Amino acid sequence: MIWRTALLRATAIPLAIIGLWGAERGPDYDIAIAATGESAAVRTADGQLTVLGARPSGFVSEQWLRAGRADRRLATET
């Protein structure tokens, strides 16, 4: 949607700031499942991510670590 008046455009700025702030401050996820369903990352009580199932690719691991704000390694559960 394109807002045509200056007032409506100015209204979008605070709404965008609130949205970005909320996305940053939102709760962390407790579980993430790979698209293939072969592996999952679960947050333990101490806040570390543990991998269940097959070892995910490096790309998937990196995305889980970024999204989960975790340490730079994943623990593997057998």
PDB file of N, CA and C in Angstrom:
ATOM      1  N   MET A   1       0.842  -1.163   0.000  1.00  0.00           N
ATOM      2  CA  MET A   1       0.000   0.000   0.000  1.00  0.00           C
ATOM      3  C   MET A   1       0.893   1.232   0.000  1.00  0.00           C
ATOM      4  N   ILE A   2       0.629   2.131  -0.870  1.00  0.00           N
ATOM      5  CA  ILE A   2       1.392   3.375  -0.937  1.00  0.00           C
ATOM      6  C   ILE A   2       0.567   4.473  -0.286  1.00  0.00           C
ATOM      7  N   TRP A   3       1.128   5.056   0.747  1.00  0.00           N
ATOM      8  CA  TRP A   3       0.438   6.146   1.432  1.00  0.00           C
ATOM      9  C   TRP A   3       0.753   7.444   0.711  1.00  0.00           C
ATOM     10  N   ARG A   4      -0.263   8.174   0.338  1.00  0.00           N
ATOM     11  CA  ARG A   4      -0.075   9.320  -0.526  1.00  0.00           C
ATOM     12  C   ARG A   4       0.100  10.637   0.203  1.00  0.00           C
ATOM     13  N   THR A   5      -0.396  10.761   1.394  1.00  0.00           N
ATOM     14  CA  THR A   5      -0.262  12.042   2.089  1.00  0.00           C
ATOM     15  C   THR A   5       0.924  12.005   3.050  1.00  0.00           C
ATOM     16  N   ALA A   6       1.468  13.174   3.328  1.00  0.00           N
ATOM     17  CA  ALA A   6       2.630  13.271   4.222  1.00  0.00           C
ATOM     18  C   ALA A   6       2.288  12.813   5.634  1.00  0.00           C
ATOM     19  N   LEU A   7       1.073  13.074   6.073  1.00  0.00           N
ATOM     20  CA  LEU A   7       0.653  12.658   7.411  1.00  0.00           C
ATOM     21  C   LEU A   7       0.661  11.137   7.545  1.00  0.00           C
ATOM     22  N   LEU A   8       0.144  10.451   6.550  1.00  0.00           N
ATOM     23  CA  LEU A   8       0.134   8.995   6.593  1.00  0.00           C
ATOM     24  C   LEU A   8       1.541   8.422   6.510  1.00  0.00           C
ATOM     25  N   ARG A   9       2.398   9.021   5.707  1.00  0.00           N
ATOM     26  CA  ARG A   9       3.797   8.570   5.623  1.00  0.00           C
ATOM     27  C   ARG A   9       4.500   8.771   6.957  1.00  0.00           C
ATOM     28  N   ALA A  10       4.249   9.899   7.620  1.00  0.00           N
ATOM     29  CA  ALA A  10       4.869  10.172   8.915  1.00  0.00           C
ATOM     30  C   ALA A  10       4.355   9.207   9.978  1.00  0.00           C
ATOM     31  N   THR A  11       3.134   8.750   9.845  1.00  0.00           N
ATOM     32  CA  THR A  11       2.574   7.778  10.789  1.00  0.00           C
ATOM     33  C   THR A  11       3.304   6.440  10.699  1.00  0.00           C
ATOM     34  N   ALA A  12       3.812   6.106   9.542  1.00  0.00           N
ATOM     35  CA  ALA A  12       4.486   4.824   9.347  1.00  0.00           C
ATOM     36  C   ALA A  12       5.809   4.746  10.105  1.00  0.00           C
ATOM     37  N   ILE A  13       6.480   5.854  10.330  1.00  0.00           N
ATOM     38  CA  ILE A  13       7.793   5.835  10.986  1.00  0.00           C
ATOM     39  C   ILE A  13       7.711   5.303  12.413  1.00  0.00           C
ATOM     40  N   PRO A  14       6.851   5.846  13.278  1.00  0.00           N
ATOM     41  CA  PRO A  14       6.783   5.277  14.634  1.00  0.00           C
ATOM     42  C   PRO A  14       6.302   3.827  14.647  1.00  0.00           C
ATOM     43  N   LEU A  15       5.401   3.485  13.736  1.00  0.00           N
ATOM     44  CA  LEU A  15       4.932   2.103  13.680  1.00  0.00           C
ATOM     45  C   LEU A  15       6.054   1.152  13.278  1.00  0.00           C
ATOM     46  N   ALA A  16       6.889   1.566  12.353  1.00  0.00           N
ATOM     47  CA  ALA A  16       8.030   0.744  11.951  1.00  0.00           C
ATOM     48  C   ALA A  16       9.014   0.595  13.104  1.00  0.00           C
ATOM     49  N   ILE A  17       9.258   1.655  13.843  1.00  0.00           N
ATOM     50  CA  ILE A  17      10.176   1.589  14.992  1.00  0.00           C
ATOM     51  C   ILE A  17       9.633   0.637  16.049  1.00  0.00           C
ATOM     52  N   ILE A  18       8.347   0.724  16.340  1.00  0.00           N
ATOM     53  CA  ILE A  18       7.731  -0.177  17.319  1.00  0.00           C
ATOM     54  C   ILE A  18       7.831  -1.631  16.848  1.00  0.00           C
ATOM     55  N   GLY A  19       7.600  -1.861  15.579  1.00  0.00           N
ATOM     56  CA  GLY A  19       7.691  -3.218  15.037  1.00  0.00           C
ATOM     57  C   GLY A  19       9.090  -3.783  15.116  1.00  0.00           C
ATOM     58  N   LEU A  20      10.095  -2.990  14.772  1.00  0.00           N
ATOM     59  CA  LEU A  20      11.482  -3.458  14.854  1.00  0.00           C
ATOM     60  C   LEU A  20      11.906  -3.695  16.294  1.00  0.00           C
ATOM     61  N   TRP A  21      11.490  -2.818  17.191  1.00  0.00           N
ATOM     62  CA  TRP A  21      11.813  -2.987  18.608  1.00  0.00           C
ATOM     63  C   TRP A  21      11.176  -4.271  19.141  1.00  0.00           C
ATOM     64  N   GLY A  22       9.939  -4.520  18.790  1.00  0.00           N
ATOM     65  CA  GLY A  22       9.258  -5.726  19.249  1.00  0.00           C
ATOM     66  C   GLY A  22       9.885  -6.995  18.699  1.00  0.00           C
ATOM     67  N   ALA A  23      10.331  -6.957  17.455  1.00  0.00           N
ATOM     68  CA  ALA A  23      10.974  -8.127  16.869  1.00  0.00           C
ATOM     69  C   ALA A  23      12.301  -8.431  17.563  1.00  0.00           C
ATOM     70  N   GLU A  24      13.016  -7.403  17.940  1.00  0.00           N
ATOM     71  CA  GLU A  24      14.301  -7.587  18.621  1.00  0.00           C
ATOM     72  C   GLU A  24      14.113  -8.063  20.055  1.00  0.00           C
ATOM     73  N   ARG A  25      13.106  -7.575  20.721  1.00  0.00           N
ATOM     74  CA  ARG A  25      12.877  -7.890  22.137  1.00  0.00           C
ATOM     75  C   ARG A  25      11.999  -9.111  22.363  1.00  0.00           C
ATOM     76  N   GLY A  26      11.511  -9.725  21.305  1.00  0.00           N
ATOM     77  CA  GLY A  26      10.597 -10.849  21.441  1.00  0.00           C
ATOM     78  C   GLY A  26      11.252 -12.053  22.091  1.00  0.00           C
ATOM     79  N   PRO A  27      10.464 -13.018  22.490  1.00  0.00           N
ATOM     80  CA  PRO A  27      11.014 -14.205  23.159  1.00  0.00           C
ATOM     81  C   PRO A  27      11.807 -15.072  22.192  1.00  0.00           C
ATOM     82  N   ASP A  28      12.802 -15.748  22.724  1.00  0.00           N
ATOM     83  CA  ASP A  28      13.577 -16.693  21.920  1.00  0.00           C
ATOM     84  C   ASP A  28      12.759 -17.971  21.733  1.00  0.00           C
ATOM     85  N   TYR A  29      13.022 -18.660  20.650  1.00  0.00           N
ATOM     86  CA  TYR A  29      12.320 -19.904  20.404  1.00  0.00           C
ATOM     87  C   TYR A  29      12.894 -21.014  21.285  1.00  0.00           C
ATOM     88  N   ASP A  30      12.113 -22.047  21.534  1.00  0.00           N
ATOM     89  CA  ASP A  30      12.563 -23.189  22.327  1.00  0.00           C
ATOM     90  C   ASP A  30      12.925 -24.378  21.455  1.00  0.00           C
ATOM     91  N   ILE A  31      12.401 -24.411  20.233  1.00  0.00           N
ATOM     92  CA  ILE A  31      12.698 -25.512  19.328  1.00  0.00           C
ATOM     93  C   ILE A  31      12.680 -24.991  17.888  1.00  0.00           C
ATOM     94  N   ALA A  32      13.601 -25.498  17.098  1.00  0.00           N
ATOM     95  CA  ALA A  32      13.644 -25.183  15.663  1.00  0.00           C
ATOM     96  C   ALA A  32      13.814 -26.508  14.926  1.00  0.00           C
ATOM     97  N   ILE A  33      13.001 -26.722  13.903  1.00  0.00           N
ATOM     98  CA  ILE A  33      13.036 -27.973  13.149  1.00  0.00           C
ATOM     99  C   ILE A  33      13.521 -27.684  11.742  1.00  0.00           C
ATOM    100  N   ALA A  34      14.447 -28.497  11.265  1.00  0.00           N
ATOM    101  CA  ALA A  34      14.973 -28.338   9.906  1.00  0.00           C
ATOM    102  C   ALA A  34      13.866 -28.588   8.893  1.00  0.00           C
ATOM    103  N   ALA A  35      14.006 -28.015   7.718  1.00  0.00           N
ATOM    104  CA  ALA A  35      12.987 -28.156   6.672  1.00  0.00           C
ATOM    105  C   ALA A  35      12.794 -29.614   6.269  1.00  0.00           C
ATOM    106  N   THR A  36      13.841 -30.414   6.361  1.00  0.00           N
ATOM    107  CA  THR A  36      13.740 -31.826   6.002  1.00  0.00           C
ATOM    108  C   THR A  36      13.112 -32.655   7.112  1.00  0.00           C
ATOM    109  N   GLY A  37      13.070 -32.126   8.325  1.00  0.00           N
ATOM    110  CA  GLY A  37      12.514 -32.854   9.458  1.00  0.00           C
ATOM    111  C   GLY A  37      13.471 -33.856  10.069  1.00  0.00           C
ATOM    112  N   GLU A  38      14.703 -33.902   9.576  1.00  0.00           N
ATOM    113  CA  GLU A  38      15.684 -34.879  10.064  1.00  0.00           C
ATOM    114  C   GLU A  38      16.374 -34.451  11.345  1.00  0.00           C
ATOM    115  N   SER A  39      16.336 -33.164  11.661  1.00  0.00           N
ATOM    116  CA  SER A  39      17.011 -32.684  12.861  1.00  0.00           C
ATOM    117  C   SER A  39      16.233 -31.523  13.460  1.00  0.00           C
ATOM    118  N   ALA A  40      16.523 -31.275  14.732  1.00  0.00           N
ATOM    119  CA  ALA A  40      15.874 -30.178  15.441  1.00  0.00           C
ATOM    120  C   ALA A  40      16.846 -29.628  16.471  1.00  0.00           C
ATOM    121  N   ALA A  41      16.721 -28.356  16.775  1.00  0.00           N
ATOM    122  CA  ALA A  41      17.508 -27.725  17.830  1.00  0.00           C
ATOM    123  C   ALA A  41      16.551 -27.397  18.966  1.00  0.00           C
ATOM    124  N   VAL A  42      16.913 -27.823  20.173  1.00  0.00           N
ATOM    125  CA  VAL A  42      16.078 -27.621  21.350  1.00  0.00           C
ATOM    126  C   VAL A  42      16.875 -26.817  22.366  1.00  0.00           C
ATOM    127  N   ARG A  43      16.249 -25.798  22.963  1.00  0.00           N
ATOM    128  CA  ARG A  43      16.913 -24.993  23.986  1.00  0.00           C
ATOM    129  C   ARG A  43      16.790 -25.714  25.325  1.00  0.00           C
ATOM    130  N   THR A  44      17.932 -25.946  25.972  1.00  0.00           N
ATOM    131  CA  THR A  44      17.945 -26.608  27.271  1.00  0.00           C
ATOM    132  C   THR A  44      17.709 -25.589  28.377  1.00  0.00           C
ATOM    133  N   ALA A  45      17.611 -26.064  29.613  1.00  0.00           N
ATOM    134  CA  ALA A  45      17.335 -25.185  30.752  1.00  0.00           C
ATOM    135  C   ALA A  45      18.432 -24.147  30.954  1.00  0.00           C
ATOM    136  N   ASP A  46      19.671 -24.481  30.583  1.00  0.00           N
ATOM    137  CA  ASP A  46      20.769 -23.516  30.746  1.00  0.00           C
ATOM    138  C   ASP A  46      20.908 -22.568  29.565  1.00  0.00           C
ATOM    139  N   GLY A  47      20.013 -22.664  28.575  1.00  0.00           N
ATOM    140  CA  GLY A  47      19.993 -21.735  27.451  1.00  0.00           C
ATOM    141  C   GLY A  47      20.777 -22.162  26.241  1.00  0.00           C
ATOM    142  N   GLN A  48      21.442 -23.318  26.288  1.00  0.00           N
ATOM    143  CA  GLN A  48      22.223 -23.797  25.154  1.00  0.00           C
ATOM    144  C   GLN A  48      21.330 -24.557  24.187  1.00  0.00           C
ATOM    145  N   LEU A  49      21.662 -24.493  22.898  1.00  0.00           N
ATOM    146  CA  LEU A  49      20.913 -25.239  21.888  1.00  0.00           C
ATOM    147  C   LEU A  49      21.513 -26.631  21.738  1.00  0.00           C
ATOM    148  N   THR A  50      20.665 -27.648  21.763  1.00  0.00           N
ATOM    149  CA  THR A  50      21.082 -29.038  21.600  1.00  0.00           C
ATOM    150  C   THR A  50      20.414 -29.581  20.348  1.00  0.00           C
ATOM    151  N   VAL A  51      21.190 -30.268  19.504  1.00  0.00           N
ATOM    152  CA  VAL A  51      20.673 -30.829  18.263  1.00  0.00           C
ATOM    153  C   VAL A  51      20.185 -32.248  18.509  1.00  0.00           C
ATOM    154  N   LEU A  52      18.982 -32.522  18.065  1.00  0.00           N
ATOM    155  CA  LEU A  52      18.417 -33.865  18.110  1.00  0.00           C
ATOM    156  C   LEU A  52      18.310 -34.383  16.694  1.00  0.00           C
ATOM    157  N   GLY A  53      18.627 -35.647  16.486  1.00  0.00           N
ATOM    158  CA  GLY A  53      18.533 -36.235  15.155  1.00  0.00           C
ATOM    159  C   GLY A  53      19.827 -36.085  14.389  1.00  0.00           C
ATOM    160  N   ALA A  54      19.728 -36.077  13.064  1.00  0.00           N
ATOM    161  CA  ALA A  54      20.900 -35.987  12.191  1.00  0.00           C
ATOM    162  C   ALA A  54      21.582 -34.633  12.335  1.00  0.00           C
ATOM    163  N   ARG A  55      22.878 -34.607  12.139  1.00  0.00           N
ATOM    164  CA  ARG A  55      23.644 -33.358  12.214  1.00  0.00           C
ATOM    165  C   ARG A  55      23.235 -32.462  11.036  1.00  0.00           C
ATOM    166  N   PRO A  56      22.784 -31.228  11.320  1.00  0.00           N
ATOM    167  CA  PRO A  56      22.375 -30.330  10.233  1.00  0.00           C
ATOM    168  C   PRO A  56      23.590 -29.785   9.483  1.00  0.00           C
ATOM    169  N   SER A  57      23.342 -29.230   8.313  1.00  0.00           N
ATOM    170  CA  SER A  57      24.425 -28.634   7.531  1.00  0.00           C
ATOM    171  C   SER A  57      24.969 -27.404   8.251  1.00  0.00           C
ATOM    172  N   GLY A  58      26.117 -26.946   7.832  1.00  0.00           N
ATOM    173  CA  GLY A  58      26.725 -25.765   8.430  1.00  0.00           C
ATOM    174  C   GLY A  58      25.849 -24.536   8.310  1.00  0.00           C
ATOM    175  N   PHE A  59      25.167 -24.399   7.183  1.00  0.00           N
ATOM    176  CA  PHE A  59      24.284 -23.252   6.976  1.00  0.00           C
ATOM    177  C   PHE A  59      23.126 -23.272   7.969  1.00  0.00           C
ATOM    178  N   VAL A  60      22.492 -24.421   8.123  1.00  0.00           N
ATOM    179  CA  VAL A  60      21.366 -24.544   9.051  1.00  0.00           C
ATOM    180  C   VAL A  60      21.829 -24.268  10.473  1.00  0.00           C
ATOM    181  N   SER A  61      22.974 -24.826  10.849  1.00  0.00           N
ATOM    182  CA  SER A  61      23.515 -24.591  12.194  1.00  0.00           C
ATOM    183  C   SER A  61      23.748 -23.111  12.440  1.00  0.00           C
ATOM    184  N   GLU A  62      24.330 -22.436  11.470  1.00  0.00           N
ATOM    185  CA  GLU A  62      24.609 -21.005  11.604  1.00  0.00           C
ATOM    186  C   GLU A  62      23.315 -20.201  11.764  1.00  0.00           C
ATOM    187  N   GLN A  63      22.288 -20.543  11.000  1.00  0.00           N
ATOM    188  CA  GLN A  63      21.008 -19.841  11.109  1.00  0.00           C
ATOM    189  C   GLN A  63      20.361 -20.068  12.470  1.00  0.00           C
ATOM    190  N   TRP A  64      20.433 -21.295  12.968  1.00  0.00           N
ATOM    191  CA  TRP A  64      19.881 -21.587  14.289  1.00  0.00           C
ATOM    192  C   TRP A  64      20.623 -20.811  15.369  1.00  0.00           C
ATOM    193  N   LEU A  65      21.938 -20.744  15.257  1.00  0.00           N
ATOM    194  CA  LEU A  65      22.717 -20.016  16.257  1.00  0.00           C
ATOM    195  C   LEU A  65      22.399 -18.526  16.228  1.00  0.00           C
ATOM    196  N   ARG A  66      22.276 -17.954  15.050  1.00  0.00           N
ATOM    197  CA  ARG A  66      21.937 -16.524  14.943  1.00  0.00           C
ATOM    198  C   ARG A  66      20.557 -16.233  15.499  1.00  0.00           C
ATOM    199  N   ALA A  67      19.586 -17.026  15.102  1.00  0.00           N
ATOM    200  CA  ALA A  67      18.213 -16.795  15.541  1.00  0.00           C
ATOM    201  C   ALA A  67      18.048 -17.049  17.032  1.00  0.00           C
ATOM    202  N   GLY A  68      18.807 -17.992  17.559  1.00  0.00           N
ATOM    203  CA  GLY A  68      18.674 -18.345  18.964  1.00  0.00           C
ATOM    204  C   GLY A  68      19.572 -17.565  19.886  1.00  0.00           C
ATOM    205  N   ARG A  69      20.413 -16.679  19.323  1.00  0.00           N
ATOM    206  CA  ARG A  69      21.350 -15.889  20.126  1.00  0.00           C
ATOM    207  C   ARG A  69      22.132 -16.778  21.071  1.00  0.00           C
ATOM    208  N   ALA A  70      22.638 -17.885  20.539  1.00  0.00           N
ATOM    209  CA  ALA A  70      23.326 -18.878  21.356  1.00  0.00           C
ATOM    210  C   ALA A  70      24.835 -18.770  21.183  1.00  0.00           C
ATOM    211  N   ASP A  71      25.540 -19.620  21.934  1.00  0.00           N
ATOM    212  CA  ASP A  71      26.992 -19.726  21.799  1.00  0.00           C
ATOM    213  C   ASP A  71      27.333 -20.140  20.374  1.00  0.00           C
ATOM    214  N   ARG A  72      28.584 -20.124  20.042  1.00  0.00           N
ATOM    215  CA  ARG A  72      29.016 -20.422  18.688  1.00  0.00           C
ATOM    216  C   ARG A  72      29.139 -21.904  18.421  1.00  0.00           C
ATOM    217  N   ARG A  73      28.511 -22.741  19.213  1.00  0.00           N
ATOM    218  CA  ARG A  73      28.532 -24.182  18.937  1.00  0.00           C
ATOM    219  C   ARG A  73      27.198 -24.779  19.365  1.00  0.00           C
ATOM    220  N   LEU A  74      26.878 -25.905  18.766  1.00  0.00           N
ATOM    221  CA  LEU A  74      25.669 -26.636  19.116  1.00  0.00           C
ATOM    222  C   LEU A  74      26.079 -27.946  19.771  1.00  0.00           C
ATOM    223  N   ALA A  75      25.446 -28.296  20.856  1.00  0.00           N
ATOM    224  CA  ALA A  75      25.665 -29.599  21.476  1.00  0.00           C
ATOM    225  C   ALA A  75      24.867 -30.631  20.711  1.00  0.00           C
ATOM    226  N   THR A  76      25.420 -31.832  20.574  1.00  0.00           N
ATOM    227  CA  THR A  76      24.745 -32.892  19.828  1.00  0.00           C
ATOM    228  C   THR A  76      24.239 -33.951  20.785  1.00  0.00           C
ATOM    229  N   GLU A  77      22.974 -34.270  20.674  1.00  0.00           N
ATOM    230  CA  GLU A  77      22.322 -35.300  21.475  1.00  0.00           C
ATOM    231  C   GLU A  77      22.225 -36.548  20.631  1.00  0.00           C
ATOM    232  N   THR A  78      22.634 -37.674  21.152  1.00  0.00           N
ATOM    233  CA  THR A  78      22.569 -38.922  20.363  1.00  0.00           C
ATOM    234  C   THR A  78      21.381 -39.747  20.726  1.00  0.00           C
TER     235      THR A  78
END
